[in-house]
Amino acid sequence: MKLEIIVPVLMSCALLWWVSQGMSWSRKLAVAAVTLAVIVVVLIVERSGVLR
């Protein structure tokens, strides 16, 4: 894997862990699901060329 993929993933995991320390497990799962959905939408828009 390339570093341009690994580094943002690790930074995102660290940030999510730091922010979610006081959250319940259900809230953590909801935040993770929303984050993954945003990533998928951004990737779809980027690959489709809509913003070009």
PDB file of N, CA and C in Angstrom:
ATOM      1  N   MET A   1       0.839  -1.189   0.000  1.00  0.00           N
ATOM      2  CA  MET A   1       0.000   0.000   0.000  1.00  0.00           C
ATOM      3  C   MET A   1       0.876   1.243   0.000  1.00  0.00           C
ATOM      4  N   LYS A   2       0.333   2.284  -0.543  1.00  0.00           N
ATOM      5  CA  LYS A   2       1.079   3.533  -0.613  1.00  0.00           C
ATOM      6  C   LYS A   2       0.931   4.320   0.686  1.00  0.00           C
ATOM      7  N   LEU A   3       1.925   5.118   0.987  1.00  0.00           N
ATOM      8  CA  LEU A   3       1.880   5.937   2.201  1.00  0.00           C
ATOM      9  C   LEU A   3       0.771   6.969   2.148  1.00  0.00           C
ATOM     10  N   GLU A   4       0.405   7.429   0.953  1.00  0.00           N
ATOM     11  CA  GLU A   4      -0.647   8.436   0.851  1.00  0.00           C
ATOM     12  C   GLU A   4      -2.011   7.870   1.227  1.00  0.00           C
ATOM     13  N   ILE A   5      -2.116   6.552   1.325  1.00  0.00           N
ATOM     14  CA  ILE A   5      -3.345   5.916   1.790  1.00  0.00           C
ATOM     15  C   ILE A   5      -3.221   5.549   3.264  1.00  0.00           C
ATOM     16  N   ILE A   6      -2.081   5.007   3.650  1.00  0.00           N
ATOM     17  CA  ILE A   6      -1.893   4.503   5.014  1.00  0.00           C
ATOM     18  C   ILE A   6      -1.888   5.635   6.043  1.00  0.00           C
ATOM     19  N   VAL A   7      -1.174   6.705   5.762  1.00  0.00           N
ATOM     20  CA  VAL A   7      -1.036   7.787   6.741  1.00  0.00           C
ATOM     21  C   VAL A   7      -2.389   8.437   7.075  1.00  0.00           C
ATOM     22  N   PRO A   8      -3.220   8.817   6.088  1.00  0.00           N
ATOM     23  CA  PRO A   8      -4.522   9.387   6.455  1.00  0.00           C
ATOM     24  C   PRO A   8      -5.419   8.426   7.224  1.00  0.00           C
ATOM     25  N   VAL A   9      -5.351   7.138   6.885  1.00  0.00           N
ATOM     26  CA  VAL A   9      -6.164   6.150   7.610  1.00  0.00           C
ATOM     27  C   VAL A   9      -5.723   6.067   9.066  1.00  0.00           C
ATOM     28  N   LEU A  10      -4.420   6.003   9.304  1.00  0.00           N
ATOM     29  CA  LEU A  10      -3.916   5.954  10.679  1.00  0.00           C
ATOM     30  C   LEU A  10      -4.249   7.234  11.449  1.00  0.00           C
ATOM     31  N   MET A  11      -4.108   8.375  10.785  1.00  0.00           N
ATOM     32  CA  MET A  11      -4.441   9.650  11.447  1.00  0.00           C
ATOM     33  C   MET A  11      -5.928   9.722  11.774  1.00  0.00           C
ATOM     34  N   SER A  12      -6.767   9.231  10.884  1.00  0.00           N
ATOM     35  CA  SER A  12      -8.209   9.235  11.129  1.00  0.00           C
ATOM     36  C   SER A  12      -8.570   8.332  12.296  1.00  0.00           C
ATOM     37  N   CYS A  13      -7.937   7.162  12.359  1.00  0.00           N
ATOM     38  CA  CYS A  13      -8.193   6.248  13.477  1.00  0.00           C
ATOM     39  C   CYS A  13      -7.758   6.862  14.802  1.00  0.00           C
ATOM     40  N   ALA A  14      -6.607   7.518  14.807  1.00  0.00           N
ATOM     41  CA  ALA A  14      -6.128   8.157  16.035  1.00  0.00           C
ATOM     42  C   ALA A  14      -7.051   9.293  16.460  1.00  0.00           C
ATOM     43  N   LEU A  15      -7.500  10.089  15.498  1.00  0.00           N
ATOM     44  CA  LEU A  15      -8.406  11.197  15.821  1.00  0.00           C
ATOM     45  C   LEU A  15      -9.743  10.677  16.328  1.00  0.00           C
ATOM     46  N   LEU A  16     -10.270   9.632  15.678  1.00  0.00           N
ATOM     47  CA  LEU A  16     -11.533   9.054  16.122  1.00  0.00           C
ATOM     48  C   LEU A  16     -11.403   8.486  17.529  1.00  0.00           C
ATOM     49  N   TRP A  17     -10.292   7.819  17.822  1.00  0.00           N
ATOM     50  CA  TRP A  17     -10.085   7.287  19.166  1.00  0.00           C
ATOM     51  C   TRP A  17     -10.020   8.414  20.192  1.00  0.00           C
ATOM     52  N   TRP A  18      -9.320   9.493  19.874  1.00  0.00           N
ATOM     53  CA  TRP A  18      -9.155  10.611  20.810  1.00  0.00           C
ATOM     54  C   TRP A  18     -10.475  11.321  21.064  1.00  0.00           C
ATOM     55  N   VAL A  19     -11.247  11.555  20.011  1.00  0.00           N
ATOM     56  CA  VAL A  19     -12.513  12.275  20.146  1.00  0.00           C
ATOM     57  C   VAL A  19     -13.557  11.416  20.851  1.00  0.00           C
ATOM     58  N   SER A  20     -13.527  10.108  20.620  1.00  0.00           N
ATOM     59  CA  SER A  20     -14.610   9.250  21.099  1.00  0.00           C
ATOM     60  C   SER A  20     -14.359   8.636  22.470  1.00  0.00           C
ATOM     61  N   GLN A  21     -13.422   9.126  23.219  1.00  0.00           N
ATOM     62  CA  GLN A  21     -13.118   8.515  24.511  1.00  0.00           C
ATOM     63  C   GLN A  21     -14.306   8.549  25.478  1.00  0.00           C
ATOM     64  N   GLY A  22     -15.122   9.586  25.443  1.00  0.00           N
ATOM     65  CA  GLY A  22     -16.248   9.665  26.360  1.00  0.00           C
ATOM     66  C   GLY A  22     -17.560   9.198  25.772  1.00  0.00           C
ATOM     67  N   MET A  23     -17.528   8.595  24.577  1.00  0.00           N
ATOM     68  CA  MET A  23     -18.764   8.195  23.903  1.00  0.00           C
ATOM     69  C   MET A  23     -19.119   6.742  24.197  1.00  0.00           C
ATOM     70  N   SER A  24     -20.411   6.445  24.055  1.00  0.00           N
ATOM     71  CA  SER A  24     -20.847   5.057  24.188  1.00  0.00           C
ATOM     72  C   SER A  24     -20.503   4.302  22.905  1.00  0.00           C
ATOM     73  N   TRP A  25     -20.590   2.963  22.970  1.00  0.00           N
ATOM     74  CA  TRP A  25     -20.243   2.156  21.800  1.00  0.00           C
ATOM     75  C   TRP A  25     -21.190   2.407  20.644  1.00  0.00           C
ATOM     76  N   SER A  26     -22.470   2.623  20.935  1.00  0.00           N
ATOM     77  CA  SER A  26     -23.421   2.853  19.837  1.00  0.00           C
ATOM     78  C   SER A  26     -23.123   4.172  19.136  1.00  0.00           C
ATOM     79  N   ARG A  27     -22.729   5.182  19.877  1.00  0.00           N
ATOM     80  CA  ARG A  27     -22.380   6.462  19.265  1.00  0.00           C
ATOM     81  C   ARG A  27     -21.081   6.345  18.461  1.00  0.00           C
ATOM     82  N   LYS A  28     -20.125   5.567  18.976  1.00  0.00           N
ATOM     83  CA  LYS A  28     -18.878   5.350  18.234  1.00  0.00           C
ATOM     84  C   LYS A  28     -19.152   4.666  16.896  1.00  0.00           C
ATOM     85  N   LEU A  29     -20.031   3.654  16.909  1.00  0.00           N
ATOM     86  CA  LEU A  29     -20.372   2.959  15.675  1.00  0.00           C
ATOM     87  C   LEU A  29     -21.090   3.881  14.696  1.00  0.00           C
ATOM     88  N   ALA A  30     -21.957   4.749  15.209  1.00  0.00           N
ATOM     89  CA  ALA A  30     -22.654   5.695  14.345  1.00  0.00           C
ATOM     90  C   ALA A  30     -21.673   6.672  13.705  1.00  0.00           C
ATOM     91  N   VAL A  31     -20.725   7.175  14.479  1.00  0.00           N
ATOM     92  CA  VAL A  31     -19.717   8.100  13.942  1.00  0.00           C
ATOM     93  C   VAL A  31     -18.860   7.399  12.902  1.00  0.00           C
ATOM     94  N   ALA A  32     -18.476   6.163  13.161  1.00  0.00           N
ATOM     95  CA  ALA A  32     -17.667   5.415  12.192  1.00  0.00           C
ATOM     96  C   ALA A  32     -18.444   5.168  10.907  1.00  0.00           C
ATOM     97  N   ALA A  33     -19.740   4.851  11.018  1.00  0.00           N
ATOM     98  CA  ALA A  33     -20.563   4.617   9.826  1.00  0.00           C
ATOM     99  C   ALA A  33     -20.714   5.884   8.995  1.00  0.00           C
ATOM    100  N   VAL A  34     -20.949   7.015   9.654  1.00  0.00           N
ATOM    101  CA  VAL A  34     -21.072   8.283   8.938  1.00  0.00           C
ATOM    102  C   VAL A  34     -19.757   8.642   8.267  1.00  0.00           C
ATOM    103  N   THR A  35     -18.655   8.433   8.957  1.00  0.00           N
ATOM    104  CA  THR A  35     -17.343   8.727   8.385  1.00  0.00           C
ATOM    105  C   THR A  35     -17.084   7.883   7.146  1.00  0.00           C
ATOM    106  N   LEU A  36     -17.380   6.592   7.220  1.00  0.00           N
ATOM    107  CA  LEU A  36     -17.189   5.717   6.063  1.00  0.00           C
ATOM    108  C   LEU A  36     -18.099   6.116   4.908  1.00  0.00           C
ATOM    109  N   ALA A  37     -19.326   6.519   5.214  1.00  0.00           N
ATOM    110  CA  ALA A  37     -20.244   6.955   4.159  1.00  0.00           C
ATOM    111  C   ALA A  37     -19.719   8.202   3.454  1.00  0.00           C
ATOM    112  N   VAL A  38     -19.189   9.141   4.211  1.00  0.00           N
ATOM    113  CA  VAL A  38     -18.621  10.359   3.612  1.00  0.00           C
ATOM    114  C   VAL A  38     -17.435  10.010   2.730  1.00  0.00           C
ATOM    115  N   ILE A  39     -16.577   9.101   3.188  1.00  0.00           N
ATOM    116  CA  ILE A  39     -15.420   8.689   2.392  1.00  0.00           C
ATOM    117  C   ILE A  39     -15.868   8.051   1.086  1.00  0.00           C
ATOM    118  N   VAL A  40     -16.864   7.182   1.142  1.00  0.00           N
ATOM    119  CA  VAL A  40     -17.364   6.518  -0.055  1.00  0.00           C
ATOM    120  C   VAL A  40     -17.957   7.532  -1.027  1.00  0.00           C
ATOM    121  N   VAL A  41     -18.727   8.486  -0.527  1.00  0.00           N
ATOM    122  CA  VAL A  41     -19.317   9.518  -1.393  1.00  0.00           C
ATOM    123  C   VAL A  41     -18.223  10.342  -2.056  1.00  0.00           C
ATOM    124  N   VAL A  42     -17.223  10.737  -1.305  1.00  0.00           N
ATOM    125  CA  VAL A  42     -16.121  11.525  -1.874  1.00  0.00           C
ATOM    126  C   VAL A  42     -15.397  10.730  -2.952  1.00  0.00           C
ATOM    127  N   LEU A  43     -15.147   9.450  -2.707  1.00  0.00           N
ATOM    128  CA  LEU A  43     -14.475   8.628  -3.707  1.00  0.00           C
ATOM    129  C   LEU A  43     -15.315   8.465  -4.966  1.00  0.00           C
ATOM    130  N   ILE A  44     -16.622   8.288  -4.806  1.00  0.00           N
ATOM    131  CA  ILE A  44     -17.500   8.146  -5.973  1.00  0.00           C
ATOM    132  C   ILE A  44     -17.519   9.428  -6.787  1.00  0.00           C
ATOM    133  N   VAL A  45     -17.642  10.559  -6.122  1.00  0.00           N
ATOM    134  CA  VAL A  45     -17.665  11.846  -6.825  1.00  0.00           C
ATOM    135  C   VAL A  45     -16.327  12.095  -7.509  1.00  0.00           C
ATOM    136  N   GLU A  46     -15.242  11.772  -6.829  1.00  0.00           N
ATOM    137  CA  GLU A  46     -13.913  11.992  -7.402  1.00  0.00           C
ATOM    138  C   GLU A  46     -13.680  11.128  -8.639  1.00  0.00           C
ATOM    139  N   ARG A  47     -14.085   9.872  -8.589  1.00  0.00           N
ATOM    140  CA  ARG A  47     -13.839   8.969  -9.705  1.00  0.00           C
ATOM    141  C   ARG A  47     -14.800   9.194 -10.860  1.00  0.00           C
ATOM    142  N   SER A  48     -15.987   9.747 -10.590  1.00  0.00           N
ATOM    143  CA  SER A  48     -16.948   9.962 -11.666  1.00  0.00           C
ATOM    144  C   SER A  48     -16.620  11.212 -12.478  1.00  0.00           C
ATOM    145  N   GLY A  49     -15.823  12.106 -11.918  1.00  0.00           N
ATOM    146  CA  GLY A  49     -15.430  13.318 -12.643  1.00  0.00           C
ATOM    147  C   GLY A  49     -16.499  14.387 -12.647  1.00  0.00           C
ATOM    148  N   VAL A  50     -17.407  14.376 -11.696  1.00  0.00           N
ATOM    149  CA  VAL A  50     -18.499  15.350 -11.638  1.00  0.00           C
ATOM    150  C   VAL A  50     -17.971  16.760 -11.418  1.00  0.00           C
ATOM    151  N   LEU A  51     -16.920  16.906 -10.657  1.00  0.00           N
ATOM    152  CA  LEU A  51     -16.435  18.233 -10.293  1.00  0.00           C
ATOM    153  C   LEU A  51     -15.404  18.783 -11.284  1.00  0.00           C
ATOM    154  N   ARG A  52     -15.192  18.125 -12.395  1.00  0.00           N
ATOM    155  CA  ARG A  52     -14.202  18.603 -13.373  1.00  0.00           C
ATOM    156  C   ARG A  52     -14.780  19.628 -14.279  1.00  0.00           C
TER     157      ARG A  52
END
